[in-house]
């Protein structure tokens, strides 16, 4: 999951072109929400 999100973080550091389609954004947001919920569950326990 984190490997899928890496290109979005790399884009900020490097100026290479990154072509993003709507399904990429949808998938990234879903995976980010899953990761966030998992982490919050750990922190709250």
PDB file of N, CA and C in Angstrom:
ATOM      1  N   UNK A   1       0.821  -1.180   0.000  1.00  0.00           N
ATOM      2  CA  UNK A   1       0.000   0.000   0.000  1.00  0.00           C
ATOM      3  C   UNK A   1       0.872   1.254   0.000  1.00  0.00           C
ATOM      4  N   UNK A   2       1.848   1.321   0.856  1.00  0.00           N
ATOM      5  CA  UNK A   2       2.717   2.508   0.906  1.00  0.00           C
ATOM      6  C   UNK A   2       3.483   2.685  -0.396  1.00  0.00           C
ATOM      7  N   UNK A   3       3.846   1.578  -1.034  1.00  0.00           N
ATOM      8  CA  UNK A   3       4.535   1.668  -2.325  1.00  0.00           C
ATOM      9  C   UNK A   3       3.664   2.354  -3.370  1.00  0.00           C
ATOM     10  N   UNK A   4       2.348   2.153  -3.269  1.00  0.00           N
ATOM     11  CA  UNK A   4       1.432   2.795  -4.214  1.00  0.00           C
ATOM     12  C   UNK A   4       1.381   4.301  -4.011  1.00  0.00           C
ATOM     13  N   UNK A   5       1.611   4.760  -2.781  1.00  0.00           N
ATOM     14  CA  UNK A   5       1.526   6.189  -2.472  1.00  0.00           C
ATOM     15  C   UNK A   5       2.847   6.920  -2.691  1.00  0.00           C
ATOM     16  N   UNK A   6       3.949   6.186  -2.799  1.00  0.00           N
ATOM     17  CA  UNK A   6       5.274   6.796  -2.938  1.00  0.00           C
ATOM     18  C   UNK A   6       5.394   7.783  -4.099  1.00  0.00           C
ATOM     19  N   UNK A   7       4.870   7.476  -5.279  1.00  0.00           N
ATOM     20  CA  UNK A   7       5.028   8.433  -6.387  1.00  0.00           C
ATOM     21  C   UNK A   7       4.479   9.825  -6.084  1.00  0.00           C
ATOM     22  N   UNK A   8       3.452   9.910  -5.272  1.00  0.00           N
ATOM     23  CA  UNK A   8       2.868  11.216  -4.957  1.00  0.00           C
ATOM     24  C   UNK A   8       3.802  12.031  -4.065  1.00  0.00           C
ATOM     25  N   UNK A   9       4.512  11.395  -3.178  1.00  0.00           N
ATOM     26  CA  UNK A   9       5.493  12.087  -2.349  1.00  0.00           C
ATOM     27  C   UNK A   9       6.740  12.461  -3.128  1.00  0.00           C
ATOM     28  N   UNK A  10       7.130  11.610  -4.055  1.00  0.00           N
ATOM     29  CA  UNK A  10       8.317  11.865  -4.871  1.00  0.00           C
ATOM     30  C   UNK A  10       8.083  13.056  -5.791  1.00  0.00           C
ATOM     31  N   UNK A  11       6.884  13.220  -6.280  1.00  0.00           N
ATOM     32  CA  UNK A  11       6.565  14.321  -7.201  1.00  0.00           C
ATOM     33  C   UNK A  11       6.881  15.670  -6.572  1.00  0.00           C
ATOM     34  N   UNK A  12       6.685  15.799  -5.290  1.00  0.00           N
ATOM     35  CA  UNK A  12       6.957  17.058  -4.596  1.00  0.00           C
ATOM     36  C   UNK A  12       8.455  17.359  -4.600  1.00  0.00           C
ATOM     37  N   UNK A  13       9.285  16.333  -4.468  1.00  0.00           N
ATOM     38  CA  UNK A  13      10.738  16.535  -4.381  1.00  0.00           C
ATOM     39  C   UNK A  13      11.418  16.672  -5.731  1.00  0.00           C
ATOM     40  N   UNK A  14      10.867  16.039  -6.745  1.00  0.00           N
ATOM     41  CA  UNK A  14      11.504  16.035  -8.064  1.00  0.00           C
ATOM     42  C   UNK A  14      10.535  16.597  -9.098  1.00  0.00           C
ATOM     43  N   UNK A  15      11.051  17.288 -10.062  1.00  0.00           N
ATOM     44  CA  UNK A  15      10.184  17.971 -11.022  1.00  0.00           C
ATOM     45  C   UNK A  15       9.782  17.129 -12.232  1.00  0.00           C
ATOM     46  N   UNK A  16      10.058  15.846 -12.206  1.00  0.00           N
ATOM     47  CA  UNK A  16       9.665  15.004 -13.339  1.00  0.00           C
ATOM     48  C   UNK A  16       8.144  14.981 -13.467  1.00  0.00           C
ATOM     49  N   UNK A  17       7.676  14.800 -14.683  1.00  0.00           N
ATOM     50  CA  UNK A  17       6.237  14.806 -14.915  1.00  0.00           C
ATOM     51  C   UNK A  17       5.617  13.512 -14.399  1.00  0.00           C
ATOM     52  N   UNK A  18       4.514  13.632 -13.706  1.00  0.00           N
ATOM     53  CA  UNK A  18       3.770  12.484 -13.201  1.00  0.00           C
ATOM     54  C   UNK A  18       2.344  12.620 -13.703  1.00  0.00           C
ATOM     55  N   UNK A  19       1.935  11.719 -14.599  1.00  0.00           N
ATOM     56  CA  UNK A  19       0.594  11.779 -15.166  1.00  0.00           C
ATOM     57  C   UNK A  19      -0.350  11.017 -14.250  1.00  0.00           C
ATOM     58  N   UNK A  20      -1.360  11.701 -13.745  1.00  0.00           N
ATOM     59  CA  UNK A  20      -2.298  11.106 -12.796  1.00  0.00           C
ATOM     60  C   UNK A  20      -3.696  11.153 -13.390  1.00  0.00           C
ATOM     61  N   UNK A  21      -4.327   9.991 -13.444  1.00  0.00           N
ATOM     62  CA  UNK A  21      -5.714   9.910 -13.888  1.00  0.00           C
ATOM     63  C   UNK A  21      -6.615   9.831 -12.664  1.00  0.00           C
ATOM     64  N   UNK A  22      -7.906  10.012 -12.883  1.00  0.00           N
ATOM     65  CA  UNK A  22      -8.856  10.046 -11.773  1.00  0.00           C
ATOM     66  C   UNK A  22      -8.820   8.763 -10.944  1.00  0.00           C
ATOM     67  N   UNK A  23      -8.676   7.614 -11.601  1.00  0.00           N
ATOM     68  CA  UNK A  23      -8.656   6.366 -10.834  1.00  0.00           C
ATOM     69  C   UNK A  23      -7.426   6.276  -9.930  1.00  0.00           C
ATOM     70  N   UNK A  24      -6.310   6.916 -10.330  1.00  0.00           N
ATOM     71  CA  UNK A  24      -5.131   6.960  -9.461  1.00  0.00           C
ATOM     72  C   UNK A  24      -5.448   7.738  -8.184  1.00  0.00           C
ATOM     73  N   UNK A  25      -6.116   8.860  -8.345  1.00  0.00           N
ATOM     74  CA  UNK A  25      -6.465   9.702  -7.197  1.00  0.00           C
ATOM     75  C   UNK A  25      -7.412   8.959  -6.268  1.00  0.00           C
ATOM     76  N   UNK A  26      -8.425   8.327  -6.839  1.00  0.00           N
ATOM     77  CA  UNK A  26      -9.395   7.578  -6.038  1.00  0.00           C
ATOM     78  C   UNK A  26      -8.711   6.472  -5.247  1.00  0.00           C
ATOM     79  N   UNK A  27      -7.846   5.715  -5.910  1.00  0.00           N
ATOM     80  CA  UNK A  27      -7.132   4.621  -5.234  1.00  0.00           C
ATOM     81  C   UNK A  27      -6.217   5.161  -4.141  1.00  0.00           C
ATOM     82  N   UNK A  28      -5.499   6.238  -4.426  1.00  0.00           N
ATOM     83  CA  UNK A  28      -4.589   6.821  -3.430  1.00  0.00           C
ATOM     84  C   UNK A  28      -5.358   7.305  -2.209  1.00  0.00           C
ATOM     85  N   UNK A  29      -6.494   7.945  -2.423  1.00  0.00           N
ATOM     86  CA  UNK A  29      -7.296   8.423  -1.292  1.00  0.00           C
ATOM     87  C   UNK A  29      -7.834   7.263  -0.461  1.00  0.00           C
ATOM     88  N   UNK A  30      -8.278   6.202  -1.120  1.00  0.00           N
ATOM     89  CA  UNK A  30      -8.777   5.030  -0.395  1.00  0.00           C
ATOM     90  C   UNK A  30      -7.665   4.388   0.432  1.00  0.00           C
ATOM     91  N   UNK A  31      -6.507   4.228  -0.164  1.00  0.00           N
ATOM     92  CA  UNK A  31      -5.392   3.604   0.549  1.00  0.00           C
ATOM     93  C   UNK A  31      -4.889   4.488   1.686  1.00  0.00           C
ATOM     94  N   UNK A  32      -4.909   5.783   1.482  1.00  0.00           N
ATOM     95  CA  UNK A  32      -4.501   6.703   2.541  1.00  0.00           C
ATOM     96  C   UNK A  32      -5.463   6.627   3.716  1.00  0.00           C
ATOM     97  N   UNK A  33      -6.755   6.533   3.431  1.00  0.00           N
ATOM     98  CA  UNK A  33      -7.747   6.425   4.499  1.00  0.00           C
ATOM     99  C   UNK A  33      -7.574   5.123   5.278  1.00  0.00           C
ATOM    100  N   UNK A  34      -7.309   4.028   4.583  1.00  0.00           N
ATOM    101  CA  UNK A  34      -7.070   2.745   5.251  1.00  0.00           C
ATOM    102  C   UNK A  34      -5.847   2.837   6.156  1.00  0.00           C
ATOM    103  N   UNK A  35      -4.778   3.404   5.644  1.00  0.00           N
ATOM    104  CA  UNK A  35      -3.549   3.561   6.420  1.00  0.00           C
ATOM    105  C   UNK A  35      -3.777   4.456   7.632  1.00  0.00           C
ATOM    106  N   UNK A  36      -4.488   5.556   7.445  1.00  0.00           N
ATOM    107  CA  UNK A  36      -4.792   6.481   8.541  1.00  0.00           C
ATOM    108  C   UNK A  36      -5.617   5.784   9.627  1.00  0.00           C
ATOM    109  N   UNK A  37      -6.669   5.077   9.222  1.00  0.00           N
ATOM    110  CA  UNK A  37      -7.518   4.375  10.191  1.00  0.00           C
ATOM    111  C   UNK A  37      -6.723   3.326  10.963  1.00  0.00           C
ATOM    112  N   UNK A  38      -5.833   2.605  10.276  1.00  0.00           N
ATOM    113  CA  UNK A  38      -5.001   1.596  10.930  1.00  0.00           C
ATOM    114  C   UNK A  38      -4.092   2.247  11.972  1.00  0.00           C
ATOM    115  N   UNK A  39      -3.447   3.333  11.577  1.00  0.00           N
ATOM    116  CA  UNK A  39      -2.533   4.015  12.488  1.00  0.00           C
ATOM    117  C   UNK A  39      -3.272   4.612  13.683  1.00  0.00           C
ATOM    118  N   UNK A  40      -4.414   5.220  13.446  1.00  0.00           N
ATOM    119  CA  UNK A  40      -5.181   5.800  14.552  1.00  0.00           C
ATOM    120  C   UNK A  40      -5.642   4.710  15.516  1.00  0.00           C
ATOM    121  N   UNK A  41      -5.974   3.539  14.997  1.00  0.00           N
ATOM    122  CA  UNK A  41      -6.354   2.418  15.852  1.00  0.00           C
ATOM    123  C   UNK A  41      -5.212   2.006  16.769  1.00  0.00           C
ATOM    124  N   UNK A  42      -4.003   2.015  16.257  1.00  0.00           N
ATOM    125  CA  UNK A  42      -2.829   1.676  17.067  1.00  0.00           C
ATOM    126  C   UNK A  42      -2.581   2.757  18.116  1.00  0.00           C
ATOM    127  N   UNK A  43      -2.657   4.005  17.716  1.00  0.00           N
ATOM    128  CA  UNK A  43      -2.370   5.106  18.638  1.00  0.00           C
ATOM    129  C   UNK A  43      -3.412   5.228  19.746  1.00  0.00           C
ATOM    130  N   UNK A  44      -4.644   4.867  19.452  1.00  0.00           N
ATOM    131  CA  UNK A  44      -5.718   4.983  20.441  1.00  0.00           C
ATOM    132  C   UNK A  44      -5.778   3.799  21.393  1.00  0.00           C
ATOM    133  N   UNK A  45      -5.076   2.717  21.086  1.00  0.00           N
ATOM    134  CA  UNK A  45      -5.144   1.535  21.959  1.00  0.00           C
ATOM    135  C   UNK A  45      -4.072   1.553  23.022  1.00  0.00           C
TER     136      UNK A  45
END
